[in-house]
């Protein structure tokens, strides 16, 4: 299976970036000041070391630390949706709507997300994504997708479209249901909704 391509994503928590960057900058400035005072380092060396500490801490926060309970307060309710989700999407056919079993693999860091949706007919990757997690019981995930191997350049081209899913966590599995817009059918834009 192909690994999801990681892309930046938007969320419905506006203060997310400012708080973490502010705290990381304060930490880097404190390290700079401490290095100057305790080790009597010249400013240019202390500044470079503070920048290195900033980059290391931001990397660790982006990849791992944001998921830990002690750091969750900085996330303003940011949800972790990484994992494998099972569900169905509905495809419009001449005979009416046809539910398709699908698997969604999500790779997520604090700043990027990778979405790989697989059905019996196609595998698609996210090009742009949005995560709405204000209601943790029903997380909304929307993205523009491109089917692997497609040369689609816009939503009007076959092989590209938009998906909107509602993700729900059950006691033993993660599920989704939703709708998608696709230009794949008869070379025109179609709305398909499940439920």
N, C-alpha and C. Protein backbone atom coordinates (compact mmCIF):
# COMPACT_ATOMS: atom_id res chain seq x y z
N UNK A 1 0.84 -1.18 0.00
CA UNK A 1 0.00 0.00 0.00
C UNK A 1 0.89 1.24 0.00
N UNK A 2 0.47 2.23 -0.74
CA UNK A 2 1.17 3.51 -0.81
C UNK A 2 0.97 4.29 0.48
N UNK A 3 2.02 4.95 0.95
CA UNK A 3 1.88 5.81 2.13
C UNK A 3 1.19 7.11 1.71
N UNK A 4 0.33 7.65 2.58
CA UNK A 4 -0.32 8.92 2.24
C UNK A 4 0.70 10.05 2.09
N UNK A 5 0.47 10.89 1.10
CA UNK A 5 1.31 12.08 0.90
C UNK A 5 0.91 13.13 1.93
N UNK A 6 1.89 13.62 2.70
CA UNK A 6 1.61 14.59 3.76
C UNK A 6 1.45 15.99 3.17
N UNK A 7 0.38 16.67 3.58
CA UNK A 7 0.10 18.04 3.13
C UNK A 7 -0.31 18.88 4.34
N UNK A 8 -0.20 20.19 4.24
CA UNK A 8 -0.70 21.09 5.28
C UNK A 8 -2.22 21.01 5.26
N UNK A 9 -2.85 21.24 6.40
CA UNK A 9 -4.30 21.21 6.45
C UNK A 9 -4.83 22.33 7.33
N UNK A 10 -6.08 22.73 7.06
CA UNK A 10 -6.69 23.78 7.87
C UNK A 10 -7.57 23.13 8.92
N UNK A 11 -7.75 23.84 10.02
CA UNK A 11 -8.59 23.34 11.11
C UNK A 11 -9.47 24.47 11.63
N UNK A 12 -10.39 24.15 12.52
CA UNK A 12 -11.30 25.16 13.05
C UNK A 12 -10.86 25.66 14.42
N UNK A 13 -9.57 25.68 14.68
CA UNK A 13 -9.02 26.20 15.93
C UNK A 13 -8.01 27.27 15.57
N UNK A 14 -8.44 28.52 15.50
CA UNK A 14 -7.60 29.61 14.99
C UNK A 14 -6.36 29.91 15.78
N UNK A 15 -6.36 29.70 17.10
CA UNK A 15 -5.21 30.08 17.91
C UNK A 15 -4.15 29.00 17.99
N UNK A 16 -4.32 27.88 17.35
CA UNK A 16 -3.41 26.74 17.45
C UNK A 16 -1.97 27.12 17.16
N UNK A 17 -1.70 27.74 16.06
CA UNK A 17 -0.34 28.03 15.63
C UNK A 17 0.30 29.11 16.49
N UNK A 18 -0.45 30.14 16.82
CA UNK A 18 0.12 31.26 17.56
C UNK A 18 0.63 30.87 18.94
N UNK A 19 -0.15 30.09 19.66
CA UNK A 19 0.23 29.71 21.02
C UNK A 19 1.50 28.89 21.04
N UNK A 20 1.56 27.87 20.21
CA UNK A 20 2.74 26.99 20.20
C UNK A 20 3.97 27.75 19.73
N UNK A 21 3.85 28.51 18.66
CA UNK A 21 5.01 29.26 18.17
C UNK A 21 5.47 30.28 19.20
N UNK A 22 4.54 30.94 19.90
CA UNK A 22 4.91 31.88 20.94
C UNK A 22 5.69 31.17 22.04
N UNK A 23 5.19 30.03 22.51
CA UNK A 23 5.87 29.30 23.58
C UNK A 23 7.23 28.77 23.15
N UNK A 24 7.33 28.30 21.91
CA UNK A 24 8.62 27.80 21.42
C UNK A 24 9.60 28.97 21.29
N UNK A 25 9.14 30.13 20.85
CA UNK A 25 10.02 31.30 20.75
C UNK A 25 10.49 31.76 22.13
N UNK A 26 9.59 31.76 23.12
CA UNK A 26 9.97 32.13 24.49
C UNK A 26 11.00 31.15 25.02
N UNK A 27 10.79 29.86 24.77
CA UNK A 27 11.76 28.84 25.19
C UNK A 27 13.11 29.07 24.54
N UNK A 28 13.12 29.35 23.23
CA UNK A 28 14.39 29.60 22.52
C UNK A 28 15.07 30.85 23.06
N UNK A 29 14.32 31.90 23.35
CA UNK A 29 14.90 33.13 23.90
C UNK A 29 15.49 32.88 25.29
N UNK A 30 14.79 32.08 26.10
CA UNK A 30 15.31 31.74 27.43
C UNK A 30 16.59 30.92 27.32
N UNK A 31 16.65 30.01 26.37
CA UNK A 31 17.88 29.23 26.15
C UNK A 31 19.00 30.15 25.71
N UNK A 32 18.72 31.08 24.82
CA UNK A 32 19.72 32.04 24.36
C UNK A 32 20.26 32.85 25.54
N UNK A 33 19.37 33.37 26.36
CA UNK A 33 19.78 34.16 27.52
C UNK A 33 20.59 33.32 28.51
N UNK A 34 20.14 32.11 28.76
CA UNK A 34 20.84 31.21 29.66
C UNK A 34 22.23 30.87 29.17
N UNK A 35 22.37 30.62 27.86
CA UNK A 35 23.68 30.30 27.30
C UNK A 35 24.63 31.48 27.41
N UNK A 36 24.11 32.68 27.20
CA UNK A 36 24.95 33.88 27.30
C UNK A 36 25.43 34.10 28.74
N UNK A 37 24.50 33.92 29.70
CA UNK A 37 24.84 34.19 31.10
C UNK A 37 25.69 33.09 31.73
N UNK A 38 25.26 31.84 31.57
CA UNK A 38 25.91 30.74 32.27
C UNK A 38 27.24 30.33 31.63
N UNK A 39 27.30 30.36 30.31
CA UNK A 39 28.51 29.90 29.62
C UNK A 39 29.29 31.02 28.97
N UNK A 40 28.81 32.24 29.15
CA UNK A 40 29.49 33.42 28.61
C UNK A 40 29.77 33.29 27.11
N UNK A 41 28.79 32.74 26.40
CA UNK A 41 28.93 32.57 24.95
C UNK A 41 28.67 33.90 24.24
N UNK A 42 29.43 34.20 23.20
CA UNK A 42 29.12 35.39 22.39
C UNK A 42 27.72 35.27 21.79
N UNK A 43 27.09 36.40 21.53
CA UNK A 43 25.72 36.45 21.04
C UNK A 43 25.45 35.61 19.82
N UNK A 44 26.37 35.63 18.83
CA UNK A 44 26.10 34.89 17.59
C UNK A 44 26.06 33.38 17.83
N UNK A 45 26.88 32.85 18.77
CA UNK A 45 26.86 31.42 19.04
C UNK A 45 25.62 31.03 19.84
N UNK A 46 25.28 31.86 20.82
CA UNK A 46 24.09 31.59 21.62
C UNK A 46 22.83 31.65 20.75
N UNK A 47 22.78 32.59 19.82
CA UNK A 47 21.61 32.71 18.94
C UNK A 47 21.47 31.48 18.04
N UNK A 48 22.59 31.01 17.51
CA UNK A 48 22.54 29.82 16.65
C UNK A 48 22.09 28.60 17.45
N UNK A 49 22.63 28.43 18.66
CA UNK A 49 22.22 27.30 19.50
C UNK A 49 20.74 27.41 19.90
N UNK A 50 20.27 28.62 20.17
CA UNK A 50 18.85 28.80 20.50
C UNK A 50 17.97 28.43 19.31
N UNK A 51 18.41 28.79 18.10
CA UNK A 51 17.66 28.42 16.90
C UNK A 51 17.64 26.90 16.72
N UNK A 52 18.76 26.26 16.98
CA UNK A 52 18.83 24.79 16.88
C UNK A 52 17.86 24.17 17.89
N UNK A 53 17.84 24.67 19.14
CA UNK A 53 16.90 24.16 20.13
C UNK A 53 15.46 24.40 19.68
N UNK A 54 15.18 25.57 19.11
CA UNK A 54 13.85 25.88 18.60
C UNK A 54 13.43 24.85 17.55
N UNK A 55 14.30 24.58 16.59
CA UNK A 55 13.97 23.63 15.52
C UNK A 55 13.76 22.22 16.06
N UNK A 56 14.61 21.81 16.99
CA UNK A 56 14.47 20.47 17.57
C UNK A 56 13.16 20.36 18.34
N UNK A 57 12.86 21.35 19.19
CA UNK A 57 11.63 21.29 19.96
C UNK A 57 10.41 21.34 19.05
N UNK A 58 10.42 22.21 18.03
CA UNK A 58 9.27 22.29 17.13
C UNK A 58 9.08 20.96 16.38
N UNK A 59 10.16 20.34 15.94
CA UNK A 59 10.07 19.04 15.26
C UNK A 59 9.45 18.00 16.19
N UNK A 60 9.96 17.93 17.43
CA UNK A 60 9.43 16.96 18.39
C UNK A 60 7.96 17.23 18.70
N UNK A 61 7.61 18.51 18.85
CA UNK A 61 6.21 18.85 19.11
C UNK A 61 5.34 18.47 17.93
N UNK A 62 5.77 18.80 16.72
CA UNK A 62 4.99 18.54 15.51
C UNK A 62 4.74 17.04 15.31
N UNK A 63 5.75 16.23 15.54
CA UNK A 63 5.63 14.80 15.27
C UNK A 63 5.02 14.01 16.43
N UNK A 64 5.40 14.33 17.68
CA UNK A 64 5.06 13.47 18.79
C UNK A 64 4.36 14.15 19.97
N UNK A 65 4.94 15.24 20.46
CA UNK A 65 4.53 15.81 21.73
C UNK A 65 3.08 16.30 21.74
N UNK A 66 2.56 16.80 20.60
CA UNK A 66 1.21 17.34 20.57
C UNK A 66 0.16 16.30 20.92
N UNK A 67 0.49 15.01 20.81
CA UNK A 67 -0.46 13.94 21.11
C UNK A 67 -0.52 13.60 22.60
N UNK A 68 0.49 14.03 23.36
CA UNK A 68 0.57 13.67 24.77
C UNK A 68 -0.39 14.53 25.61
N UNK A 69 -0.97 13.93 26.66
CA UNK A 69 -1.94 14.67 27.48
C UNK A 69 -1.40 15.97 28.07
N UNK A 70 -0.16 16.01 28.51
CA UNK A 70 0.39 17.23 29.09
C UNK A 70 0.46 18.39 28.12
N UNK A 71 0.55 18.10 26.83
CA UNK A 71 0.63 19.14 25.81
C UNK A 71 -0.72 19.45 25.17
N UNK A 72 -1.74 18.69 25.52
CA UNK A 72 -3.05 18.87 24.88
C UNK A 72 -3.64 20.25 25.16
N UNK A 73 -3.26 20.86 26.26
CA UNK A 73 -3.80 22.19 26.57
C UNK A 73 -3.40 23.21 25.51
N UNK A 74 -2.27 23.00 24.85
CA UNK A 74 -1.83 23.90 23.79
C UNK A 74 -2.61 23.71 22.49
N UNK A 75 -3.33 22.63 22.39
CA UNK A 75 -3.99 22.28 21.13
C UNK A 75 -5.41 22.80 21.00
N UNK A 76 -5.99 23.35 22.07
CA UNK A 76 -7.36 23.87 22.02
C UNK A 76 -8.34 22.85 21.45
N UNK A 77 -8.23 21.60 21.88
CA UNK A 77 -9.16 20.59 21.42
C UNK A 77 -8.79 19.93 20.11
N UNK A 78 -7.60 20.15 19.62
CA UNK A 78 -7.14 19.53 18.37
C UNK A 78 -7.31 18.01 18.46
N UNK A 79 -7.92 17.42 17.47
CA UNK A 79 -8.20 15.99 17.50
C UNK A 79 -7.14 15.22 16.71
N UNK A 80 -6.83 14.05 17.21
CA UNK A 80 -5.90 13.15 16.53
C UNK A 80 -6.74 12.10 15.81
N UNK A 81 -6.73 12.12 14.49
CA UNK A 81 -7.54 11.19 13.70
C UNK A 81 -6.69 10.16 12.97
N UNK A 82 -5.41 10.08 13.32
CA UNK A 82 -4.52 9.14 12.64
C UNK A 82 -4.99 7.71 12.86
N UNK A 83 -4.82 6.90 11.82
CA UNK A 83 -5.19 5.49 11.91
C UNK A 83 -5.91 5.03 10.66
N UNK A 84 -6.45 3.83 10.75
CA UNK A 84 -7.18 3.25 9.62
C UNK A 84 -8.67 3.26 9.95
N UNK A 85 -9.45 3.86 9.08
CA UNK A 85 -10.88 4.01 9.25
C UNK A 85 -11.59 3.16 8.20
N UNK A 86 -12.71 2.54 8.56
CA UNK A 86 -13.52 1.75 7.64
C UNK A 86 -14.87 2.43 7.46
N UNK A 87 -15.42 2.34 6.25
CA UNK A 87 -16.73 2.94 6.03
C UNK A 87 -17.21 2.70 4.62
N UNK A 88 -18.20 3.48 4.24
CA UNK A 88 -18.73 3.39 2.88
C UNK A 88 -18.90 4.80 2.31
N UNK A 89 -18.71 4.89 1.02
CA UNK A 89 -19.06 6.09 0.28
C UNK A 89 -20.03 5.64 -0.81
N UNK A 90 -20.83 6.55 -1.27
CA UNK A 90 -21.85 6.20 -2.25
C UNK A 90 -21.49 6.74 -3.61
N UNK A 91 -21.62 5.90 -4.61
CA UNK A 91 -21.33 6.28 -5.98
C UNK A 91 -22.65 6.32 -6.76
N UNK A 92 -22.83 7.36 -7.56
CA UNK A 92 -24.02 7.45 -8.41
C UNK A 92 -23.81 6.58 -9.64
N UNK A 93 -24.79 5.74 -9.93
CA UNK A 93 -24.74 4.89 -11.13
C UNK A 93 -26.07 5.05 -11.86
N UNK A 94 -26.16 4.48 -13.04
CA UNK A 94 -27.40 4.51 -13.81
C UNK A 94 -28.54 3.84 -13.08
N UNK A 95 -28.22 2.87 -12.22
CA UNK A 95 -29.23 2.15 -11.45
C UNK A 95 -29.52 2.81 -10.10
N UNK A 96 -28.93 3.94 -9.82
CA UNK A 96 -29.13 4.62 -8.54
C UNK A 96 -27.86 4.58 -7.70
N UNK A 97 -27.95 5.07 -6.47
CA UNK A 97 -26.77 5.11 -5.61
C UNK A 97 -26.25 3.72 -5.29
N UNK A 98 -24.93 3.58 -5.30
CA UNK A 98 -24.29 2.31 -5.00
C UNK A 98 -23.27 2.53 -3.88
N UNK A 99 -23.52 1.95 -2.69
CA UNK A 99 -22.53 2.10 -1.61
C UNK A 99 -21.27 1.29 -1.91
N UNK A 100 -20.15 1.92 -1.71
CA UNK A 100 -18.87 1.25 -1.92
C UNK A 100 -18.14 1.12 -0.58
N UNK A 101 -17.74 -0.08 -0.20
CA UNK A 101 -16.90 -0.19 1.00
C UNK A 101 -15.57 0.51 0.73
N UNK A 102 -15.06 1.19 1.74
CA UNK A 102 -13.82 1.95 1.56
C UNK A 102 -12.99 1.90 2.83
N UNK A 103 -11.70 2.09 2.64
CA UNK A 103 -10.76 2.20 3.76
C UNK A 103 -10.05 3.54 3.63
N UNK A 104 -9.97 4.26 4.73
CA UNK A 104 -9.28 5.54 4.76
C UNK A 104 -8.11 5.42 5.72
N UNK A 105 -6.90 5.63 5.21
CA UNK A 105 -5.71 5.63 6.05
C UNK A 105 -5.31 7.10 6.25
N UNK A 106 -5.20 7.48 7.53
CA UNK A 106 -4.84 8.86 7.87
C UNK A 106 -3.52 8.85 8.62
N UNK A 107 -2.55 9.58 8.11
CA UNK A 107 -1.30 9.86 8.82
C UNK A 107 -1.39 11.33 9.22
N UNK A 108 -1.06 11.65 10.47
CA UNK A 108 -1.24 13.02 10.94
C UNK A 108 -0.11 13.44 11.87
N UNK A 109 0.35 14.66 11.65
CA UNK A 109 1.20 15.34 12.61
C UNK A 109 0.42 16.58 13.04
N UNK A 110 1.03 17.42 13.86
CA UNK A 110 0.35 18.63 14.31
C UNK A 110 0.12 19.59 13.14
N UNK A 111 1.01 19.60 12.16
CA UNK A 111 0.91 20.57 11.07
C UNK A 111 0.58 19.97 9.70
N UNK A 112 0.63 18.65 9.56
CA UNK A 112 0.35 18.03 8.26
C UNK A 112 -0.57 16.83 8.43
N UNK A 113 -1.18 16.45 7.32
CA UNK A 113 -2.06 15.28 7.31
C UNK A 113 -1.90 14.59 5.96
N UNK A 114 -2.03 13.28 5.97
CA UNK A 114 -2.00 12.49 4.75
C UNK A 114 -3.25 11.63 4.70
N UNK A 115 -3.97 11.66 3.59
CA UNK A 115 -5.23 10.93 3.44
C UNK A 115 -5.15 10.04 2.22
N UNK A 116 -5.38 8.75 2.43
CA UNK A 116 -5.36 7.78 1.33
C UNK A 116 -6.66 6.98 1.41
N UNK A 117 -7.56 7.19 0.45
CA UNK A 117 -8.84 6.51 0.41
C UNK A 117 -8.79 5.41 -0.65
N UNK A 118 -9.14 4.20 -0.24
CA UNK A 118 -9.09 3.05 -1.15
C UNK A 118 -10.47 2.41 -1.26
N UNK A 119 -10.95 2.24 -2.49
CA UNK A 119 -12.16 1.48 -2.77
C UNK A 119 -11.76 0.37 -3.73
N UNK A 120 -12.72 -0.47 -4.08
CA UNK A 120 -12.41 -1.53 -5.05
C UNK A 120 -12.12 -0.96 -6.43
N UNK A 121 -12.53 0.29 -6.68
CA UNK A 121 -12.36 0.89 -8.00
C UNK A 121 -11.14 1.78 -8.13
N UNK A 122 -10.71 2.43 -7.03
CA UNK A 122 -9.63 3.42 -7.17
C UNK A 122 -8.95 3.69 -5.83
N UNK A 123 -7.78 4.28 -5.93
CA UNK A 123 -7.03 4.78 -4.77
C UNK A 123 -6.83 6.26 -5.00
N UNK A 124 -7.14 7.08 -3.99
CA UNK A 124 -7.00 8.53 -4.16
C UNK A 124 -6.23 9.13 -3.01
N UNK A 125 -5.51 10.21 -3.32
CA UNK A 125 -4.71 10.96 -2.35
C UNK A 125 -5.31 12.35 -2.18
N UNK A 126 -5.13 12.92 -0.99
CA UNK A 126 -5.61 14.27 -0.74
C UNK A 126 -4.66 15.29 -1.36
N UNK A 127 -5.23 16.36 -1.91
CA UNK A 127 -4.47 17.48 -2.45
C UNK A 127 -4.57 18.67 -1.50
N UNK A 128 -5.75 18.89 -0.91
CA UNK A 128 -6.01 19.91 0.12
C UNK A 128 -6.93 19.28 1.14
N UNK A 129 -6.80 19.68 2.43
CA UNK A 129 -7.64 19.06 3.45
C UNK A 129 -8.06 20.06 4.51
N UNK A 130 -9.21 19.77 5.14
CA UNK A 130 -9.74 20.58 6.23
C UNK A 130 -10.30 19.64 7.28
N UNK A 131 -9.98 19.90 8.55
CA UNK A 131 -10.43 19.09 9.66
C UNK A 131 -11.26 19.97 10.60
N UNK A 132 -12.50 19.56 10.85
CA UNK A 132 -13.38 20.30 11.76
C UNK A 132 -13.67 19.39 12.95
N UNK A 133 -13.05 19.70 14.09
CA UNK A 133 -13.16 18.82 15.24
C UNK A 133 -13.85 19.44 16.43
N UNK A 134 -14.66 20.46 16.23
CA UNK A 134 -15.35 21.12 17.35
C UNK A 134 -16.24 20.12 18.09
N UNK A 135 -16.81 19.16 17.38
CA UNK A 135 -17.61 18.10 18.00
C UNK A 135 -16.82 16.80 17.91
N UNK A 136 -16.10 16.39 18.97
CA UNK A 136 -15.27 15.18 18.90
C UNK A 136 -16.06 13.91 18.62
N UNK A 137 -17.38 13.92 18.86
CA UNK A 137 -18.19 12.73 18.58
C UNK A 137 -18.46 12.57 17.09
N UNK A 138 -18.36 13.64 16.32
CA UNK A 138 -18.62 13.60 14.88
C UNK A 138 -17.65 14.57 14.20
N UNK A 139 -16.46 14.10 13.94
CA UNK A 139 -15.41 14.93 13.35
C UNK A 139 -15.64 15.01 11.85
N UNK A 140 -15.62 16.23 11.31
CA UNK A 140 -15.81 16.43 9.87
C UNK A 140 -14.44 16.55 9.20
N UNK A 141 -14.27 15.84 8.12
CA UNK A 141 -13.03 15.87 7.35
C UNK A 141 -13.39 16.06 5.89
N UNK A 142 -12.87 17.12 5.29
CA UNK A 142 -13.13 17.42 3.88
C UNK A 142 -11.81 17.52 3.16
N UNK A 143 -11.76 17.06 1.93
CA UNK A 143 -10.55 17.22 1.15
C UNK A 143 -10.80 17.12 -0.34
N UNK A 144 -9.92 17.75 -1.07
CA UNK A 144 -9.89 17.60 -2.52
C UNK A 144 -8.99 16.42 -2.81
N UNK A 145 -9.46 15.51 -3.66
CA UNK A 145 -8.67 14.31 -3.93
C UNK A 145 -8.30 14.23 -5.41
N UNK A 146 -7.30 13.44 -5.67
CA UNK A 146 -6.89 13.11 -7.03
C UNK A 146 -6.67 11.61 -7.06
N UNK A 147 -7.30 10.93 -8.00
CA UNK A 147 -7.13 9.49 -8.14
C UNK A 147 -5.72 9.22 -8.66
N UNK A 148 -5.05 8.23 -8.05
CA UNK A 148 -3.68 7.90 -8.45
C UNK A 148 -3.62 7.58 -9.94
N UNK A 149 -2.64 8.13 -10.61
CA UNK A 149 -2.47 7.93 -12.04
C UNK A 149 -3.23 8.93 -12.90
N UNK A 150 -4.05 9.78 -12.27
CA UNK A 150 -4.85 10.76 -13.00
C UNK A 150 -4.00 11.99 -13.32
N UNK A 151 -4.26 12.59 -14.48
CA UNK A 151 -3.60 13.84 -14.87
C UNK A 151 -4.53 15.03 -14.67
N UNK A 152 -5.55 14.87 -13.83
CA UNK A 152 -6.53 15.94 -13.61
C UNK A 152 -5.83 17.19 -13.07
N UNK A 153 -6.21 18.33 -13.65
CA UNK A 153 -5.64 19.61 -13.22
C UNK A 153 -6.63 20.46 -12.44
N UNK A 154 -7.93 20.16 -12.55
CA UNK A 154 -8.96 20.92 -11.83
C UNK A 154 -10.12 19.99 -11.50
N UNK A 155 -11.07 20.51 -10.73
CA UNK A 155 -12.24 19.72 -10.38
C UNK A 155 -13.11 19.39 -11.58
N UNK A 156 -12.95 20.09 -12.66
CA UNK A 156 -13.75 19.82 -13.86
C UNK A 156 -13.19 18.64 -14.66
N UNK A 157 -11.98 18.21 -14.33
CA UNK A 157 -11.37 17.08 -15.04
C UNK A 157 -11.71 15.76 -14.35
N UNK A 158 -11.98 14.70 -15.15
CA UNK A 158 -12.20 13.39 -14.54
C UNK A 158 -10.96 12.97 -13.73
N UNK A 159 -11.21 12.34 -12.59
CA UNK A 159 -10.11 11.86 -11.76
C UNK A 159 -9.82 12.73 -10.56
N UNK A 160 -10.60 13.79 -10.38
CA UNK A 160 -10.42 14.67 -9.23
C UNK A 160 -11.79 15.06 -8.69
N UNK A 161 -11.87 15.34 -7.39
CA UNK A 161 -13.14 15.70 -6.79
C UNK A 161 -12.96 16.13 -5.34
N UNK A 162 -14.08 16.22 -4.62
CA UNK A 162 -14.09 16.64 -3.23
C UNK A 162 -14.85 15.60 -2.41
N UNK A 163 -14.30 15.27 -1.25
CA UNK A 163 -14.94 14.32 -0.34
C UNK A 163 -15.20 15.01 0.98
N UNK A 164 -16.35 14.74 1.59
CA UNK A 164 -16.64 15.19 2.94
C UNK A 164 -17.13 14.00 3.73
N UNK A 165 -16.44 13.71 4.83
CA UNK A 165 -16.79 12.57 5.67
C UNK A 165 -17.04 13.00 7.10
N UNK A 166 -17.84 12.20 7.79
CA UNK A 166 -18.00 12.33 9.24
C UNK A 166 -17.33 11.11 9.85
N UNK A 167 -16.34 11.36 10.71
CA UNK A 167 -15.61 10.29 11.36
C UNK A 167 -16.18 10.07 12.76
N UNK A 168 -16.43 8.81 13.12
CA UNK A 168 -16.91 8.48 14.46
C UNK A 168 -16.09 7.32 15.01
N UNK A 169 -15.77 7.43 16.29
CA UNK A 169 -15.02 6.37 16.96
C UNK A 169 -15.99 5.51 17.75
N UNK A 170 -16.00 4.21 17.41
CA UNK A 170 -16.80 3.26 18.18
C UNK A 170 -15.93 2.62 19.25
N UNK A 171 -16.53 1.71 20.04
CA UNK A 171 -15.75 1.08 21.10
C UNK A 171 -14.56 0.27 20.56
N UNK A 172 -14.70 -0.32 19.38
CA UNK A 172 -13.62 -1.15 18.87
C UNK A 172 -13.14 -0.77 17.49
N UNK A 173 -13.77 0.17 16.83
CA UNK A 173 -13.30 0.55 15.50
C UNK A 173 -13.64 1.99 15.18
N UNK A 174 -12.93 2.51 14.18
CA UNK A 174 -13.14 3.87 13.71
C UNK A 174 -13.88 3.77 12.39
N UNK A 175 -14.99 4.52 12.26
CA UNK A 175 -15.83 4.42 11.08
C UNK A 175 -16.06 5.79 10.45
N UNK A 176 -16.47 5.78 9.19
CA UNK A 176 -16.83 7.02 8.53
C UNK A 176 -17.99 6.78 7.59
N UNK A 177 -18.66 7.88 7.26
CA UNK A 177 -19.66 7.89 6.20
C UNK A 177 -19.65 9.29 5.62
N UNK A 178 -20.09 9.42 4.37
CA UNK A 178 -20.07 10.75 3.81
C UNK A 178 -20.49 10.83 2.37
N UNK A 179 -20.07 11.92 1.76
CA UNK A 179 -20.47 12.22 0.39
C UNK A 179 -19.26 12.67 -0.40
N UNK A 180 -19.41 12.64 -1.73
CA UNK A 180 -18.33 13.17 -2.55
C UNK A 180 -18.87 13.83 -3.81
N UNK A 181 -18.12 14.79 -4.29
CA UNK A 181 -18.40 15.45 -5.56
C UNK A 181 -17.37 14.91 -6.53
N UNK A 182 -17.80 14.56 -7.72
CA UNK A 182 -16.84 14.02 -8.68
C UNK A 182 -17.21 14.43 -10.09
N UNK A 183 -16.19 14.70 -10.87
CA UNK A 183 -16.40 14.99 -12.29
C UNK A 183 -16.19 13.72 -13.10
N UNK A 184 -16.01 12.62 -12.42
CA UNK A 184 -15.70 11.36 -13.07
C UNK A 184 -16.88 10.81 -13.85
N UNK A 185 -18.08 11.20 -13.47
CA UNK A 185 -19.27 10.63 -14.06
C UNK A 185 -19.77 11.49 -15.21
N UNK A 186 -19.80 10.96 -16.41
CA UNK A 186 -20.31 11.65 -17.58
C UNK A 186 -19.70 13.02 -17.80
N UNK A 187 -18.47 13.23 -17.37
CA UNK A 187 -17.76 14.50 -17.56
C UNK A 187 -18.50 15.71 -17.05
N UNK A 188 -19.28 15.57 -15.97
CA UNK A 188 -19.88 16.73 -15.33
C UNK A 188 -19.82 16.55 -13.82
N UNK A 189 -20.00 17.62 -13.11
CA UNK A 189 -19.92 17.61 -11.65
C UNK A 189 -21.19 17.00 -11.07
N UNK A 190 -21.04 16.05 -10.16
CA UNK A 190 -22.21 15.41 -9.57
C UNK A 190 -22.05 15.37 -8.05
N UNK A 191 -23.16 15.56 -7.35
CA UNK A 191 -23.16 15.46 -5.88
C UNK A 191 -23.75 14.12 -5.50
N UNK A 192 -23.05 13.40 -4.66
CA UNK A 192 -23.54 12.11 -4.20
C UNK A 192 -23.52 12.15 -2.69
N UNK A 193 -24.62 11.79 -2.04
CA UNK A 193 -24.70 11.86 -0.58
C UNK A 193 -25.18 10.52 -0.03
N UNK A 194 -24.58 10.13 1.09
CA UNK A 194 -25.02 8.91 1.76
C UNK A 194 -25.78 9.29 3.01
N UNK A 195 -26.83 8.54 3.30
CA UNK A 195 -27.54 8.73 4.57
C UNK A 195 -28.65 9.69 4.54
